[in-house]
Amino acid sequence: MHQLFRLVLGQRDLSRAGDLFSLDDSEIEDCLSQALEEIKNISCSLDYLTNDNDQAVVEICITRITTAIRETGSIERHGAALVALWESCLEHNLQPQGKDEDTPHAKIASDITSCILQNYNRTPVMALAVPVAVRFLQQGNRELSRNMSSYLSLAAIAKAELLVQHTKAITLSVLGGNSMLLRVLPSVYPLQPEPIHQHIQELSAMMPELDQASRQHLLRLLQMISEQHPRVLTPLVPCLIGHLSDATLSDALLTVLVGVAPVSPTSLRPFLPMLRTVGQQTPGLLGHVAKIHGAVGLTSEEQAREALLYLVSLLACMEHSVHHTLLLEIRSLTDRYSNILGGGAKDIYRMSNSFSAIARLLGRRLEADGATASRGNEEVAEPKRGEHESSPAEDDEEQHLQVKIQAFEEKMGEDGVEAEAGGSSPGPQRRHSLGQAARDERREMRFNRSKSLALHAIRSRSTNPDSLQEGDGAELNPESFLIETTLSPESDLAPSPVQENNSEPAERRIARDTEAEKEGVETREGDRLWTHLRDNMEKIRSFCSEMIKQIPIPEQCVIEDTHRGCVAKLSFSCPLKGHYCLYGKSSFLLSSRQPHLWIRIMLLALQSKTSEALSYEDVCVQQLRKLWERTQLKGAHSFELAMTQTTVPHKKDLDSLQIHLEEVRFFDLFGYSEEEGGWLCFMCNNPEKATVVNLDGQPLIEGKLKEKQVRWKFIKRWKTRYFTLAGNQLLFRKGKSKDELDDSTIELSKVQSVKAVAKKRRDRGLPRAFEIFTDSKTYVLKARDEKHAEEWLQCINVAVAQAKERENREATTYL
């Protein structure tokens, strides 16, 4: 052990403890484990709780050791000794004795926690630390438990398997009120589901008590269970149904119920009327409601008939985005119970590309339940004749097209067999009429009917082009598909299946024309984001009109990965760019660990500036989506889902952004201008002050401040100086008067940052002390009261920004 450590720890010499900080990290690196062992012996002694001198020595030594470990990156070398000291704290009382007053061992544990758990991505360290961290959750110290929960969440993302054996303890901690740990459960669930299954009812019962973020984690857990073990959720169906009245939960909860429905349809049968009401109130949820009805309908013919009546009633009157789901559910029910519709059911789906026509035909079949199959075929054929009386020449063309339809369907069938057999060559592909290739789920759901509807569109236009102008049989359906070309590596365009079967050029032209006509309608239908923004446009505009006065909108946002997660690098500048502007050539830079919130605010701000609802396909939205994807954690919500969960952010989220902006002194440098309707820099907002500030030699502020003589927090030694802030310099004299000689200068252009010194929790009011960081030194200064401290902070920040802006302008002029 180093001689100074031996002296300080062996003799409990507090007077020499501060000298440890004068040693280089490399000098003491080899003896850190020995020093930690000695500290453990001191902290476990009988008189430690009453010996203030020993406590101070231990606190200083731990600070020095953890600093050296971080700086040298030797956590794996000394991790065992550090965890041993950390674990020894569990043998002592950790519960606060008074208001926010930690016990001596709780202070040790708190000082060590961040040093250990910041290395959540280092498996050897976390293998030692996680078992101990989980034990701290049950010690009754809320602050310690909160810190542990935060770091364990990060550990779950980096290495979930380390937490698997502690799943039960984590679940019990959540049930005990530590809702922050809910974010851990989705990560460990795939590896250890049983402990969560045992307590899922109690976890679900917590839903009303949770904040929005914790609710989302619980909903994600429920969705994972519904995908992997849906039967476990059967007893929860009444509870989940009860929460559907909350608009922020209904979409996710219905997704969960859709997963439960196939394995336990009888549990949902009593709630079908309530689900229909939910669908009526929120049409965007009808797809989920239809799937649940379809699952319940498969239990018996009677239930199938009831479900069909409801689904068919929706088919003719609901928006196109739900039609594909309705048809799939109807088709599933009629395939299972074919006698409900009689024969010729397939012809109904091929009858027309008009959903209202299909709905009318299905309705007739349901009314004529029990009729023979041949009569059913006549009912299907009759409207066909009514829609179009064909000439002999047209009959020949119809037969020619029918041969091509049959050949095409056979070709699609062969390709489907090849795909199932794992063939390497891709089969024919079809795209949405807008080419939204990312909408895989929607395309798959529509695939069962896409061929028939698309080819019927070609057939109906070939035989009677005028029929497109009126009549149900010719209604343009934005949800139907047209057969398009498939990209291949060898050429820009490969022939489509229709082309391979020698289709006529006129038919291809008709297909393209049909697609072009559908594009205008299809652009917005099914775009969940567009629908959400359209329906809430006034609320968003009202929210942004107030929000913009509290929180500025960044000009630029860049997402960067750090060892502690994704960070948003935000840039703000002054739009006015006056003569003395602080940010005419430069920007105020801010790093935020809340990228999701900033992205959402930027989207709302964009929407508030336009009278049209933004679409998922808009370039600005695509840029925000890419930023979102850079930040996504495993299992997190997609951009579109997250943006539509709630209309506007919660007040506490906005408050957290405002607090952060205050901490980085943003409001010293910018203020909102009602006249300009935006955030202007200090100089552009106060032009009358700009001329005074820029007079040569005119002080911006001057007076007495106390300078801290030693940088260590535990040594309180201050010296009064006289400071003058003028031009590009902060000038201070060694004495208390401005007339005394022996000046020292801080060049403001070299200042990296200025910030207030955080006060202890028990201290009230604003901080009086602040720090000035330059490239070579840190100055700690203190004003006589909080008001003067705020004045000095603002003036220094303004002067620093001005000095740097002046440098940028000079550099630009030189170039």
Foldseek 3Di string as FASTA:
>chain_A
DDPLLCCCLVVLDLVSLVVLVVDDLVVCVVCLLVSLVSLLVLCPDPCNQPDPSNLSSSVSSLVSSLVSCVVVVCCLVNLVSLLVSLLSLLVDQFAAPDDPHTGSSVSSNVSSLCSQLLVLLDVSSCLSRVVSLLSVLPRNHVVSNLSSLVSVLVNLQNPVVSCQVVLLSLVVSVLVPNLSNLSNCVSNCVVHVVSCLVCVVSVLVCLVVDDPVSNVSNLLSLLVCLQPPLCSCLVVVVVLLVPCVPLLCNQSSLSSVLSNQQVCLVSCVVCLVVLVVSCVVPVVCVLSSLSSQLSNLLPDVVSVLVSLVVLLVCQQPHDQLNNLSSVLSNVVSCVSVVQQQEAPLVLLLLLALFSNSSSVLVVVSNVVRPDHNVVNVVSSVVVVCVLDPADPVLVVVLVVLVVLLVVLVVQVVVQVVCVVVVHPDHDADFAQLVRPVVPVVLCVSNVVRQSSHQSSLLSVCVSPVVSCVDDSRNDQRNSHTHFDFDQDPVDRTDDTSSVVVVDDPVSVVSSVVSSVVSCVVNQAPNQLQLVLCVVCVVVLLVVCLVLQQQDPQFPDWDWDADSSAIKIWTWAAFPVLDPLALGNPHTDIDIGPPLVQNLLSNQSVVSSVDPHRDTCPDPVNVVSQVRVVVRDGPSDDHPSCVSRSDPHDDPVVSVVVSVRCVQQVVVLFWHADPVVRHIGTPCVVCVVVSVQQPDAPRFPDWAKKWWAPDDDPVDGDTAIWIWTHHAQWIKIANDRDPPDDDIDIDGLLQWPGKGADDDDPVDDDDGQWIWTHGPPDIIIIGDPDDVVSVVVRSVSVSSSSSSNVVVSVVVVVVD
